[in-house]
PDB file of N, CA and C in Angstrom:
ATOM      1  N   MET A   1      -6.211  13.565  -4.660  1.00  0.00           N
ATOM      2  CA  MET A   1      -6.991  12.640  -5.447  1.00  0.00           C
ATOM      3  C   MET A   1      -8.464  12.899  -5.144  1.00  0.00           C
ATOM      4  N   MET A   2      -9.204  13.299  -6.095  1.00  0.00           N
ATOM      5  CA  MET A   2     -10.595  13.661  -5.904  1.00  0.00           C
ATOM      6  C   MET A   2     -11.454  12.433  -5.634  1.00  0.00           C
ATOM      7  N   GLY A   3     -12.294  12.513  -4.588  1.00  0.00           N
ATOM      8  CA  GLY A   3     -13.198  11.422  -4.271  1.00  0.00           C
ATOM      9  C   GLY A   3     -12.563  10.299  -3.470  1.00  0.00           C
ATOM     10  N   TRP A   4     -11.334  10.469  -3.026  1.00  0.00           N
ATOM     11  CA  TRP A   4     -10.638   9.427  -2.275  1.00  0.00           C
ATOM     12  C   TRP A   4     -10.977   9.551  -0.807  1.00  0.00           C
ATOM     13  N   ASP A   5     -11.445   8.464  -0.208  1.00  0.00           N
ATOM     14  CA  ASP A   5     -11.799   8.433   1.210  1.00  0.00           C
ATOM     15  C   ASP A   5     -10.812   7.522   1.928  1.00  0.00           C
ATOM     16  N   PRO A   6      -9.756   8.058   2.537  1.00  0.00           N
ATOM     17  CA  PRO A   6      -8.731   7.219   3.149  1.00  0.00           C
ATOM     18  C   PRO A   6      -9.246   6.346   4.281  1.00  0.00           C
ATOM     19  N   GLU A   7     -10.326   6.745   4.943  1.00  0.00           N
ATOM     20  CA  GLU A   7     -10.873   5.943   6.042  1.00  0.00           C
ATOM     21  C   GLU A   7     -11.486   4.634   5.557  1.00  0.00           C
ATOM     22  N   ASN A   8     -12.037   4.629   4.351  1.00  0.00           N
ATOM     23  CA  ASN A   8     -12.726   3.445   3.841  1.00  0.00           C
ATOM     24  C   ASN A   8     -12.043   2.841   2.620  1.00  0.00           C
ATOM     25  N   PHE A   9     -10.846   3.269   2.346  1.00  0.00           N
ATOM     26  CA  PHE A   9     -10.133   2.811   1.163  1.00  0.00           C
ATOM     27  C   PHE A   9      -9.648   1.381   1.352  1.00  0.00           C
ATOM     28  N   ASP A  10      -9.940   0.510   0.390  1.00  0.00           N
ATOM     29  CA  ASP A  10      -9.451  -0.869   0.408  1.00  0.00           C
ATOM     30  C   ASP A  10      -8.323  -0.962  -0.609  1.00  0.00           C
ATOM     31  N   PHE A  11      -7.094  -0.972  -0.121  1.00  0.00           N
ATOM     32  CA  PHE A  11      -5.914  -0.929  -0.985  1.00  0.00           C
ATOM     33  C   PHE A  11      -5.863  -2.124  -1.938  1.00  0.00           C
ATOM     34  N   ASN A  12      -6.446  -3.253  -1.554  1.00  0.00           N
ATOM     35  CA  ASN A  12      -6.401  -4.452  -2.386  1.00  0.00           C
ATOM     36  C   ASN A  12      -7.444  -4.464  -3.496  1.00  0.00           C
ATOM     37  N   LYS A  13      -8.442  -3.590  -3.418  1.00  0.00           N
ATOM     38  CA  LYS A  13      -9.525  -3.620  -4.406  1.00  0.00           C
ATOM     39  C   LYS A  13      -9.632  -2.346  -5.232  1.00  0.00           C
ATOM     40  N   GLU A  14      -9.197  -1.234  -4.670  1.00  0.00           N
ATOM     41  CA  GLU A  14      -9.438   0.049  -5.323  1.00  0.00           C
ATOM     42  C   GLU A  14      -8.137   0.732  -5.706  1.00  0.00           C
ATOM     43  N   GLY A  15      -8.259   1.829  -6.375  1.00  0.00           N
ATOM     44  CA  GLY A  15      -7.111   2.673  -6.622  1.00  0.00           C
ATOM     45  C   GLY A  15      -6.887   2.964  -8.090  1.00  0.00           C
ATOM     46  N   ASN A  16      -6.056   3.937  -8.292  1.00  0.00           N
ATOM     47  CA  ASN A  16      -5.705   4.325  -9.647  1.00  0.00           C
ATOM     48  C   ASN A  16      -4.476   3.544 -10.096  1.00  0.00           C
ATOM     49  N   MET A  17      -3.908   3.911 -11.194  1.00  0.00           N
ATOM     50  CA  MET A  17      -2.762   3.196 -11.741  1.00  0.00           C
ATOM     51  C   MET A  17      -1.578   3.211 -10.773  1.00  0.00           C
ATOM     52  N   GLY A  18      -1.388   4.301 -10.047  1.00  0.00           N
ATOM     53  CA  GLY A  18      -0.294   4.390  -9.084  1.00  0.00           C
ATOM     54  C   GLY A  18      -0.394   3.341  -7.997  1.00  0.00           C
ATOM     55  N   PHE A  19      -1.606   3.166  -7.440  1.00  0.00           N
ATOM     56  CA  PHE A  19      -1.799   2.155  -6.404  1.00  0.00           C
ATOM     57  C   PHE A  19      -1.635   0.746  -6.969  1.00  0.00           C
ATOM     58  N   LYS A  20      -2.097   0.529  -8.173  1.00  0.00           N
ATOM     59  CA  LYS A  20      -1.929  -0.785  -8.809  1.00  0.00           C
ATOM     60  C   LYS A  20      -0.459  -1.089  -9.027  1.00  0.00           C
ATOM     61  N   LEU A  21       0.312  -0.085  -9.409  1.00  0.00           N
ATOM     62  CA  LEU A  21       1.743  -0.265  -9.612  1.00  0.00           C
ATOM     63  C   LEU A  21       2.439  -0.603  -8.295  1.00  0.00           C
ATOM     64  N   ILE A  22       2.095   0.116  -7.234  1.00  0.00           N
ATOM     65  CA  ILE A  22       2.688  -0.154  -5.922  1.00  0.00           C
ATOM     66  C   ILE A  22       2.353  -1.578  -5.473  1.00  0.00           C
ATOM     67  N   ARG A  23       1.085  -1.981  -5.606  1.00  0.00           N
ATOM     68  CA  ARG A  23       0.694  -3.356  -5.220  1.00  0.00           C
ATOM     69  C   ARG A  23       1.484  -4.382  -6.009  1.00  0.00           C
ATOM     70  N   GLY A  24       1.639  -4.171  -7.314  1.00  0.00           N
ATOM     71  CA  GLY A  24       2.380  -5.102  -8.154  1.00  0.00           C
ATOM     72  C   GLY A  24       3.839  -5.200  -7.746  1.00  0.00           C
ATOM     73  N   LEU A  25       4.466  -4.075  -7.449  1.00  0.00           N
ATOM     74  CA  LEU A  25       5.864  -4.084  -7.026  1.00  0.00           C
ATOM     75  C   LEU A  25       6.036  -4.729  -5.655  1.00  0.00           C
ATOM     76  N   VAL A  26       5.113  -4.459  -4.743  1.00  0.00           N
ATOM     77  CA  VAL A  26       5.158  -5.080  -3.417  1.00  0.00           C
ATOM     78  C   VAL A  26       5.069  -6.601  -3.557  1.00  0.00           C
ATOM     79  N   ASP A  27       4.158  -7.074  -4.395  1.00  0.00           N
ATOM     80  CA  ASP A  27       4.022  -8.516  -4.628  1.00  0.00           C
ATOM     81  C   ASP A  27       5.279  -9.084  -5.280  1.00  0.00           C
ATOM     82  N   GLN A  28       5.837  -8.359  -6.221  1.00  0.00           N
ATOM     83  CA  GLN A  28       6.990  -8.837  -6.973  1.00  0.00           C
ATOM     84  C   GLN A  28       8.218  -9.050  -6.083  1.00  0.00           C
ATOM     85  N   VAL A  29       8.416  -8.195  -5.104  1.00  0.00           N
ATOM     86  CA  VAL A  29       9.592  -8.321  -4.240  1.00  0.00           C
ATOM     87  C   VAL A  29       9.293  -9.057  -2.938  1.00  0.00           C
ATOM     88  N   GLY A  30       8.076  -9.543  -2.787  1.00  0.00           N
ATOM     89  CA  GLY A  30       7.715 -10.313  -1.602  1.00  0.00           C
ATOM     90  C   GLY A  30       7.577  -9.472  -0.347  1.00  0.00           C
ATOM     91  N   ALA A  31       7.208  -8.231  -0.509  1.00  0.00           N
ATOM     92  CA  ALA A  31       7.030  -7.329   0.632  1.00  0.00           C
ATOM     93  C   ALA A  31       5.566  -7.351   1.075  1.00  0.00           C
ATOM     94  N   SER A  32       5.279  -6.609   2.113  1.00  0.00           N
ATOM     95  CA  SER A  32       3.894  -6.425   2.540  1.00  0.00           C
ATOM     96  C   SER A  32       3.659  -4.934   2.720  1.00  0.00           C
ATOM     97  N   ILE A  33       2.409  -4.561   2.718  1.00  0.00           N
ATOM     98  CA  ILE A  33       2.060  -3.146   2.883  1.00  0.00           C
ATOM     99  C   ILE A  33       0.967  -3.022   3.932  1.00  0.00           C
ATOM    100  N   ASP A  34       1.147  -2.072   4.819  1.00  0.00           N
ATOM    101  CA  ASP A  34       0.155  -1.763   5.844  1.00  0.00           C
ATOM    102  C   ASP A  34      -0.267  -0.314   5.661  1.00  0.00           C
ATOM    103  N   ILE A  35      -1.508  -0.048   6.007  1.00  0.00           N
ATOM    104  CA  ILE A  35      -2.021   1.314   5.956  1.00  0.00           C
ATOM    105  C   ILE A  35      -2.450   1.696   7.363  1.00  0.00           C
ATOM    106  N   LEU A  36      -1.871   2.764   7.897  1.00  0.00           N
ATOM    107  CA  LEU A  36      -2.249   3.277   9.207  1.00  0.00           C
ATOM    108  C   LEU A  36      -3.061   4.546   8.996  1.00  0.00           C
ATOM    109  N   ARG A  37      -4.193   4.605   9.655  1.00  0.00           N
ATOM    110  CA  ARG A  37      -5.087   5.758   9.505  1.00  0.00           C
ATOM    111  C   ARG A  37      -5.277   6.453  10.845  1.00  0.00           C
ATOM    112  N   ASP A  38      -4.193   6.920  11.408  1.00  0.00           N
ATOM    113  CA  ASP A  38      -4.234   7.602  12.690  1.00  0.00           C
ATOM    114  C   ASP A  38      -3.501   8.933  12.537  1.00  0.00           C
ATOM    115  N   ASN A  39      -4.233  10.010  12.667  1.00  0.00           N
ATOM    116  CA  ASN A  39      -3.644  11.333  12.500  1.00  0.00           C
ATOM    117  C   ASN A  39      -3.034  11.474  11.104  1.00  0.00           C
ATOM    118  N   GLY A  40      -3.813  11.140  10.096  1.00  0.00           N
ATOM    119  CA  GLY A  40      -3.345  11.134   8.710  1.00  0.00           C
ATOM    120  C   GLY A  40      -3.288   9.706   8.204  1.00  0.00           C
ATOM    121  N   THR A  41      -2.833   9.537   7.001  1.00  0.00           N
ATOM    122  CA  THR A  41      -2.722   8.203   6.400  1.00  0.00           C
ATOM    123  C   THR A  41      -1.268   7.919   6.093  1.00  0.00           C
ATOM    124  N   LYS A  42      -0.796   6.739   6.526  1.00  0.00           N
ATOM    125  CA  LYS A  42       0.583   6.328   6.268  1.00  0.00           C
ATOM    126  C   LYS A  42       0.570   4.964   5.596  1.00  0.00           C
ATOM    127  N   PHE A  43       1.387   4.820   4.570  1.00  0.00           N
ATOM    128  CA  PHE A  43       1.585   3.542   3.903  1.00  0.00           C
ATOM    129  C   PHE A  43       2.943   3.015   4.344  1.00  0.00           C
ATOM    130  N   ILE A  44       2.973   1.822   4.908  1.00  0.00           N
ATOM    131  CA  ILE A  44       4.217   1.242   5.405  1.00  0.00           C
ATOM    132  C   ILE A  44       4.530  -0.007   4.598  1.00  0.00           C
ATOM    133  N   LEU A  45       5.688   0.010   3.935  1.00  0.00           N
ATOM    134  CA  LEU A  45       6.151  -1.151   3.179  1.00  0.00           C
ATOM    135  C   LEU A  45       7.141  -1.909   4.044  1.00  0.00           C
ATOM    136  N   LYS A  46       6.946  -3.229   4.153  1.00  0.00           N
ATOM    137  CA  LYS A  46       7.833  -4.060   4.960  1.00  0.00           C
ATOM    138  C   LYS A  46       8.521  -5.076   4.055  1.00  0.00           C
ATOM    139  N   PHE A  47       9.845  -5.084   4.150  1.00  0.00           N
ATOM    140  CA  PHE A  47      10.653  -6.005   3.361  1.00  0.00           C
ATOM    141  C   PHE A  47      11.346  -6.983   4.298  1.00  0.00           C
ATOM    142  N   GLU A  48      11.341  -8.244   3.931  1.00  0.00           N
ATOM    143  CA  GLU A  48      12.020  -9.253   4.725  1.00  0.00           C
ATOM    144  C   GLU A  48      13.522  -9.174   4.463  1.00  0.00           C
ATOM    145  N   ASP A  49      14.296  -9.275   5.523  1.00  0.00           N
ATOM    146  CA  ASP A  49      15.755  -9.266   5.380  1.00  0.00           C
ATOM    147  C   ASP A  49      16.192 -10.625   4.855  1.00  0.00           C
ATOM    148  N   LYS A  50      16.725 -10.644   3.654  1.00  0.00           N
ATOM    149  CA  LYS A  50      17.141 -11.905   3.023  1.00  0.00           C
ATOM    150  C   LYS A  50      18.655 -11.970   2.930  1.00  0.00           C
ATOM    151  N   THR A  51      19.314 -11.632   4.025  1.00  0.00           N
ATOM    152  CA  THR A  51      20.769 -11.687   4.075  1.00  0.00           C
ATOM    153  C   THR A  51      21.205 -13.149   4.073  1.00  0.00           C
ATOM    154  N   PHE A  52      22.176 -13.462   3.227  1.00  0.00           N
ATOM    155  CA  PHE A  52      22.624 -14.851   3.139  1.00  0.00           C
ATOM    156  C   PHE A  52      23.930 -15.027   3.873  1.00  0.00           C
TER     157      PHE A  52
END
């Protein structure tokens, strides 16, 4: 992605259509997303276990 700075990227404010889609899906299923910027960039999606 040209011009993308992972060190200063604000996932909640910026991004292309792909990032907007991921944010929307994360919100829709009640998950959370973390971004780790150590030795590369990792996106971690966390889902709550809703076992009944």
